[in-house]
Amino acid sequence: MIFAVASGKGGTGKTTVALSLALAAEGPVELLDCDVEEPNCHLFLHVSSVRHEAVGLPVPVVDPARCDACGVCGEACQFGGIVVLPHGAHVVPSLCHGCGACARLCPTGAISETVRRLGEVVEGECGTVHLVTGRLDVGQTLAPPVVRAVRRRANGAGLVVVDAPPGTSCPVMAAVRDADVAVLVTEPTPFGLNDLELAVVALRRLSLPFGVVVNRAGCGDRRVHNYCAAEEIPILLEIPHDRRIAEAYARGEALVEALPELKPDFRFLLDRLRAMSAAAKEPSHANV
């Protein structure tokens, strides 16, 4: 069972919720940190047996002696990763998505492929939690391949918790796609509501069942609650606005370890997510 934790913007407490779900669960858990530009789950866990593996992408290499500037490769590329000039084709590696179409379609065989490193996947253990972290290399911009590499590390042995990147861009879609159910973490402020609305649109387009966790409950207003009621979105949990939580985060302590009295709340959240997943898989009466 795969639970994805996402948010419309950064700083809402998404990683706090993902870590709390993983640490509150009973049995083996795979925690996938797909926030590859700023991964931080490892800062709260004492991970051992760390293993690194590079993530790369095939990119074209043009042999100028064989290229006749026919333009077939440039027409095939949908991202501007290869540009054909009068004297031959030129590769823009940062725009290449590694589809391989140019190499397959080149009529003169002038294009081969090499691997461009994008980042790495780091794996390790902390008790019953198997942590998989994606790290995008500095200067690289193509995050989805690294996100997908992290997602492929899930072996399905137990519960899988995905800590998705913030926002609604391509890396987020790569992280939450094919999850059983998602959690959107927000805060009760106008900014939180604005970005929550964007995230709701994105998840609905994926036909992914989801609910909302309100972090720092009590520090803002009721607009998020009113919006969720109007859109029939369940609020699954409210995390109180408590200075102790901020202090624990600053010390690098996981929420449910610093405040163990909150662990039953996250176990209840796990139960609600399992129920939502089961309900989503039941055939509708219209199909019976």
Protein backbone atom coordinates (compact mmCIF):
# COMPACT_ATOMS: atom_id res chain seq x y z
CA MET A 1 0.00 0.00 0.00
CA ILE A 2 1.44 3.34 -1.07
CA PHE A 3 0.60 6.59 0.73
CA ALA A 4 1.86 9.81 -0.86
CA VAL A 5 2.30 12.96 1.22
CA ALA A 6 2.21 16.16 -0.82
CA SER A 7 1.56 19.88 -0.44
CA GLY A 8 0.82 22.86 -2.62
CA LYS A 9 3.87 24.71 -1.32
CA GLY A 10 6.92 24.15 0.81
CA GLY A 11 7.08 24.67 4.55
CA THR A 12 3.65 23.29 5.41
CA GLY A 13 4.89 20.28 7.38
CA LYS A 14 4.81 17.69 4.61
CA THR A 15 8.01 15.95 5.68
CA THR A 16 6.89 16.06 9.32
CA VAL A 17 3.73 14.16 8.38
CA ALA A 18 5.56 11.66 6.16
CA LEU A 19 8.09 10.88 8.89
CA SER A 20 5.36 10.59 11.51
CA LEU A 21 3.39 8.12 9.39
CA ALA A 22 6.49 5.99 8.83
CA LEU A 23 7.50 5.97 12.50
CA ALA A 24 3.96 5.41 13.80
CA ALA A 25 3.33 2.39 11.59
CA GLU A 26 3.73 -1.14 12.91
CA GLY A 27 5.88 -3.44 10.81
CA PRO A 28 8.29 -2.68 7.98
CA VAL A 29 7.98 0.69 6.22
CA GLU A 30 9.63 2.07 3.12
CA LEU A 31 10.01 5.85 3.31
CA LEU A 32 10.75 7.32 -0.11
CA ASP A 33 12.10 10.89 0.00
CA CYS A 34 11.20 12.11 -3.50
CA ASP A 35 11.87 15.77 -2.72
CA VAL A 36 15.09 15.33 -4.67
CA GLU A 37 16.03 19.01 -4.79
CA GLU A 38 15.88 19.39 -0.99
CA PRO A 39 15.66 15.95 0.65
CA ASN A 40 15.65 16.11 4.44
CA CYS A 41 14.08 12.94 5.87
CA HIS A 42 17.59 11.63 6.61
CA LEU A 43 18.18 14.55 8.98
CA PHE A 44 15.62 13.09 11.41
CA LEU A 45 16.65 9.43 11.22
CA HIS A 46 19.79 7.64 12.34
CA VAL A 47 20.35 5.70 9.13
CA SER A 48 22.84 2.84 8.89
CA SER A 49 24.11 0.61 6.04
CA VAL A 50 24.04 3.53 3.61
CA ARG A 51 24.32 2.64 -0.10
CA HIS A 52 24.72 5.06 -3.04
CA GLU A 53 23.77 4.51 -6.67
CA ALA A 54 24.09 7.03 -9.51
CA VAL A 55 21.08 8.02 -11.62
CA GLY A 56 21.68 8.95 -15.23
CA LEU A 57 19.87 9.68 -18.46
CA PRO A 58 20.84 8.67 -22.01
CA VAL A 59 21.64 11.72 -24.14
CA PRO A 60 22.62 11.86 -27.83
CA VAL A 61 26.12 12.35 -29.19
CA VAL A 62 26.41 13.53 -32.79
CA ASP A 63 29.19 12.37 -35.12
CA PRO A 64 29.73 15.46 -37.34
CA ALA A 65 31.42 13.37 -40.02
CA ARG A 66 28.22 11.38 -40.60
CA CYS A 67 25.61 14.09 -39.94
CA ASP A 68 24.17 15.62 -43.13
CA ALA A 69 21.85 18.11 -41.30
CA CYS A 70 18.72 16.43 -42.67
CA GLY A 71 16.63 17.69 -39.72
CA VAL A 72 14.90 14.40 -38.82
CA CYS A 73 16.27 14.40 -35.26
CA GLY A 74 15.24 18.01 -34.61
CA GLU A 75 11.69 17.33 -35.79
CA ALA A 76 11.44 14.25 -33.56
CA CYS A 77 12.57 16.04 -30.39
CA GLN A 78 9.65 17.63 -28.53
CA PHE A 79 11.83 19.42 -25.95
CA GLY A 80 14.45 21.25 -28.02
CA GLY A 81 17.15 18.87 -26.86
CA ILE A 82 18.71 18.66 -30.30
CA VAL A 83 18.90 21.57 -32.74
CA VAL A 84 19.74 21.22 -36.41
CA LEU A 85 21.78 24.03 -37.98
CA PRO A 86 22.96 24.23 -41.60
CA HIS A 87 26.28 22.58 -40.75
CA GLY A 88 24.86 19.81 -38.54
CA ALA A 89 22.93 18.83 -35.40
CA HIS A 90 23.84 20.13 -31.95
CA VAL A 91 22.75 18.66 -28.61
CA VAL A 92 21.43 20.70 -25.67
CA PRO A 93 21.92 18.16 -22.85
CA SER A 94 19.93 20.10 -20.23
CA LEU A 95 16.81 19.91 -22.42
CA CYS A 96 17.14 16.25 -23.42
CA HIS A 97 14.60 13.91 -21.80
CA GLY A 98 16.34 10.72 -22.89
CA CYS A 99 13.60 9.31 -25.13
CA GLY A 100 16.10 8.01 -27.69
CA ALA A 101 14.00 8.99 -30.72
CA CYS A 102 16.79 10.95 -32.42
CA ALA A 103 19.23 8.02 -32.30
CA ARG A 104 16.62 5.59 -33.60
CA LEU A 105 15.40 7.81 -36.43
CA CYS A 106 18.71 9.20 -37.71
CA PRO A 107 18.96 7.92 -41.31
CA THR A 108 22.77 8.16 -41.44
CA GLY A 109 23.48 6.61 -38.02
CA ALA A 110 25.25 9.77 -36.92
CA ILE A 111 23.72 9.76 -33.44
CA SER A 112 24.78 7.48 -30.59
CA GLU A 113 24.03 7.82 -26.87
CA THR A 114 25.98 8.35 -23.70
CA VAL A 115 24.83 8.59 -20.09
CA ARG A 116 24.58 11.96 -18.36
CA ARG A 117 24.55 11.82 -14.56
CA LEU A 118 21.58 13.58 -12.95
CA GLY A 119 21.92 12.61 -9.30
CA GLU A 120 21.90 9.62 -7.01
CA VAL A 121 19.73 7.37 -4.89
CA VAL A 122 20.83 6.73 -1.30
CA GLU A 123 19.41 3.83 0.72
CA GLY A 124 19.72 2.91 4.37
CA GLU A 125 17.92 1.48 7.39
CA CYS A 126 16.67 2.97 10.63
CA GLY A 127 14.95 0.31 12.72
CA THR A 128 11.93 -0.91 10.77
CA VAL A 129 12.16 2.02 8.34
CA HIS A 130 13.93 1.55 5.02
CA LEU A 131 14.79 5.06 3.80
CA VAL A 132 15.33 5.76 0.11
CA THR A 133 16.51 9.29 -0.68
CA GLY A 134 16.84 10.92 -4.09
CA ARG A 135 19.39 13.69 -4.59
CA LEU A 136 19.51 15.84 -7.71
CA ASP A 137 23.04 16.99 -8.52
CA VAL A 138 23.79 20.70 -8.27
CA GLY A 139 23.25 22.37 -11.63
CA GLN A 140 20.85 19.73 -12.93
CA THR A 141 17.23 20.65 -13.63
CA LEU A 142 15.58 17.40 -14.73
CA ALA A 143 14.21 16.00 -11.46
CA PRO A 144 11.56 13.45 -12.64
CA PRO A 145 14.08 10.72 -13.64
CA VAL A 146 15.61 10.85 -10.16
CA VAL A 147 12.12 10.78 -8.59
CA ARG A 148 11.19 7.75 -10.68
CA ALA A 149 14.44 6.03 -9.67
CA VAL A 150 13.46 6.48 -6.01
CA ARG A 151 9.96 5.15 -6.65
CA ARG A 152 11.37 2.04 -8.36
CA ARG A 153 13.24 1.15 -5.16
CA ALA A 154 9.96 0.31 -3.39
CA ASN A 155 9.80 -3.47 -3.16
CA GLY A 156 6.28 -3.64 -1.73
CA ALA A 157 7.35 -5.59 1.37
CA GLY A 158 5.29 -3.34 3.65
CA LEU A 159 3.80 0.10 3.85
CA VAL A 160 5.30 2.65 1.44
CA VAL A 161 5.24 6.34 2.40
CA VAL A 162 6.22 8.80 -0.33
CA ASP A 163 7.44 12.25 0.69
CA ALA A 164 6.68 14.16 -2.52
CA PRO A 165 8.19 17.49 -3.59
CA PRO A 166 6.09 20.59 -2.89
CA GLY A 167 3.98 22.20 -5.59
CA THR A 168 2.18 20.77 -8.62
CA SER A 169 4.98 20.43 -11.19
CA CYS A 170 6.29 17.38 -13.05
CA PRO A 171 8.41 16.01 -10.15
CA VAL A 172 5.30 16.00 -7.95
CA MET A 173 3.30 14.08 -10.54
CA ALA A 174 6.13 11.55 -10.88
CA ALA A 175 6.18 11.07 -7.10
CA VAL A 176 2.45 10.65 -6.42
CA ARG A 177 1.44 8.76 -9.56
CA ASP A 178 0.11 5.24 -8.87
CA ALA A 179 -0.19 5.86 -5.11
CA ASP A 180 -3.19 4.27 -3.41
CA VAL A 181 -4.14 7.45 -1.56
CA ALA A 182 -2.60 10.87 -0.96
CA VAL A 183 -2.41 13.34 1.90
CA LEU A 184 -2.28 17.06 1.22
CA VAL A 185 -0.65 18.97 4.07
CA THR A 186 -1.61 22.61 4.43
CA GLU A 187 -1.76 25.40 6.97
CA PRO A 188 -4.84 27.47 7.90
CA THR A 189 -3.72 30.67 6.17
CA PRO A 190 -4.66 32.43 2.92
CA PHE A 191 -1.36 31.28 1.38
CA GLY A 192 -2.02 27.72 2.48
CA LEU A 193 -5.50 27.78 0.99
CA ASN A 194 -4.32 29.20 -2.34
CA ASP A 195 -1.74 26.45 -2.84
CA LEU A 196 -4.06 23.76 -1.49
CA GLU A 197 -6.57 24.62 -4.22
CA LEU A 198 -3.88 24.12 -6.88
CA ALA A 199 -2.86 20.77 -5.41
CA VAL A 200 -6.47 19.60 -5.27
CA VAL A 201 -6.89 20.29 -9.00
CA ALA A 202 -3.74 18.29 -9.77
CA LEU A 203 -4.73 15.24 -7.71
CA ARG A 204 -8.25 15.23 -9.10
CA ARG A 205 -6.84 15.08 -12.61
CA LEU A 206 -4.93 11.97 -11.54
CA SER A 207 -8.16 10.49 -10.10
CA LEU A 208 -6.27 9.91 -6.87
CA PRO A 209 -8.24 9.68 -3.60
CA PHE A 210 -6.94 12.15 -1.03
CA GLY A 211 -7.60 13.95 2.21
CA VAL A 212 -6.15 16.96 4.01
CA VAL A 213 -4.00 17.32 7.10
CA VAL A 214 -4.08 20.80 8.65
CA ASN A 215 -0.77 21.67 10.29
CA ARG A 216 -0.39 24.47 12.84
CA ALA A 217 -4.10 24.27 13.50
CA GLY A 218 -5.33 27.26 15.45
CA CYS A 219 -2.80 29.79 14.16
CA GLY A 220 -4.86 31.15 11.27
CA ASP A 221 -8.49 31.23 10.21
CA ARG A 222 -11.23 28.82 9.06
CA ARG A 223 -10.93 29.35 5.30
CA VAL A 224 -9.23 26.00 4.70
CA HIS A 225 -11.91 24.22 6.71
CA ASN A 226 -14.69 26.01 4.83
CA TYR A 227 -13.09 25.18 1.48
CA CYS A 228 -12.72 21.49 2.36
CA ALA A 229 -16.34 21.35 3.52
CA ALA A 230 -17.56 22.97 0.30
CA GLU A 231 -15.44 20.63 -1.86
CA GLU A 232 -16.32 17.54 0.23
CA ILE A 233 -12.66 16.90 1.04
CA PRO A 234 -12.11 15.08 4.34
CA ILE A 235 -9.85 16.71 6.92
CA LEU A 236 -8.06 13.65 8.25
CA LEU A 237 -6.01 15.21 11.04
CA GLU A 238 -5.23 18.56 12.64
CA ILE A 239 -1.77 19.06 14.13
CA PRO A 240 -1.83 21.75 16.82
CA HIS A 241 0.13 24.96 16.62
CA ASP A 242 2.57 24.07 19.40
CA ARG A 243 5.95 25.62 20.09
CA ARG A 244 7.28 22.23 21.21
CA ILE A 245 6.81 20.90 17.67
CA ALA A 246 8.88 23.72 16.18
CA GLU A 247 11.58 23.21 18.81
CA ALA A 248 11.73 19.47 18.08
CA TYR A 249 12.04 20.16 14.35
CA ALA A 250 14.87 22.61 14.98
CA ARG A 251 16.69 19.93 16.99
CA GLY A 252 16.27 17.38 14.20
CA GLU A 253 13.83 15.23 16.17
CA ALA A 254 10.90 13.47 14.54
CA LEU A 255 7.52 14.66 15.78
CA VAL A 256 6.21 11.38 17.17
CA GLU A 257 9.49 10.74 18.97
CA ALA A 258 9.68 14.19 20.54
CA LEU A 259 5.95 14.19 21.41
CA PRO A 260 4.98 10.51 21.74
CA GLU A 261 1.46 11.47 22.83
CA LEU A 262 0.79 12.32 19.16
CA LYS A 263 1.70 8.85 17.88
CA PRO A 264 -1.89 7.49 18.36
CA ASP A 265 -3.14 10.35 16.18
CA PHE A 266 -0.91 9.25 13.32
CA ARG A 267 -1.86 5.61 13.78
CA PHE A 268 -5.48 6.74 13.49
CA LEU A 269 -4.48 8.65 10.33
CA LEU A 270 -2.95 5.46 8.92
CA ASP A 271 -6.21 3.61 9.60
CA ARG A 272 -8.21 6.33 7.83
CA LEU A 273 -5.90 6.20 4.81
CA ARG A 274 -6.23 2.42 4.60
CA ALA A 275 -10.01 2.78 4.75
CA MET A 276 -9.95 5.41 2.00
CA SER A 277 -7.80 3.18 -0.18
CA ALA A 278 -10.10 0.21 0.34
CA ALA A 279 -13.18 2.29 -0.44
CA ALA A 280 -11.60 3.63 -3.64
CA LYS A 281 -10.95 0.08 -4.87
CA GLU A 282 -14.49 -1.13 -4.31
CA PRO A 283 -16.58 -1.34 -7.51
CA SER A 284 -19.24 1.33 -7.74
CA HIS A 285 -22.87 0.36 -7.64
CA ALA A 286 -23.15 1.52 -11.25
CA ASN A 287 -20.70 -1.16 -12.32
CA VAL A 288 -22.21 -4.01 -10.32
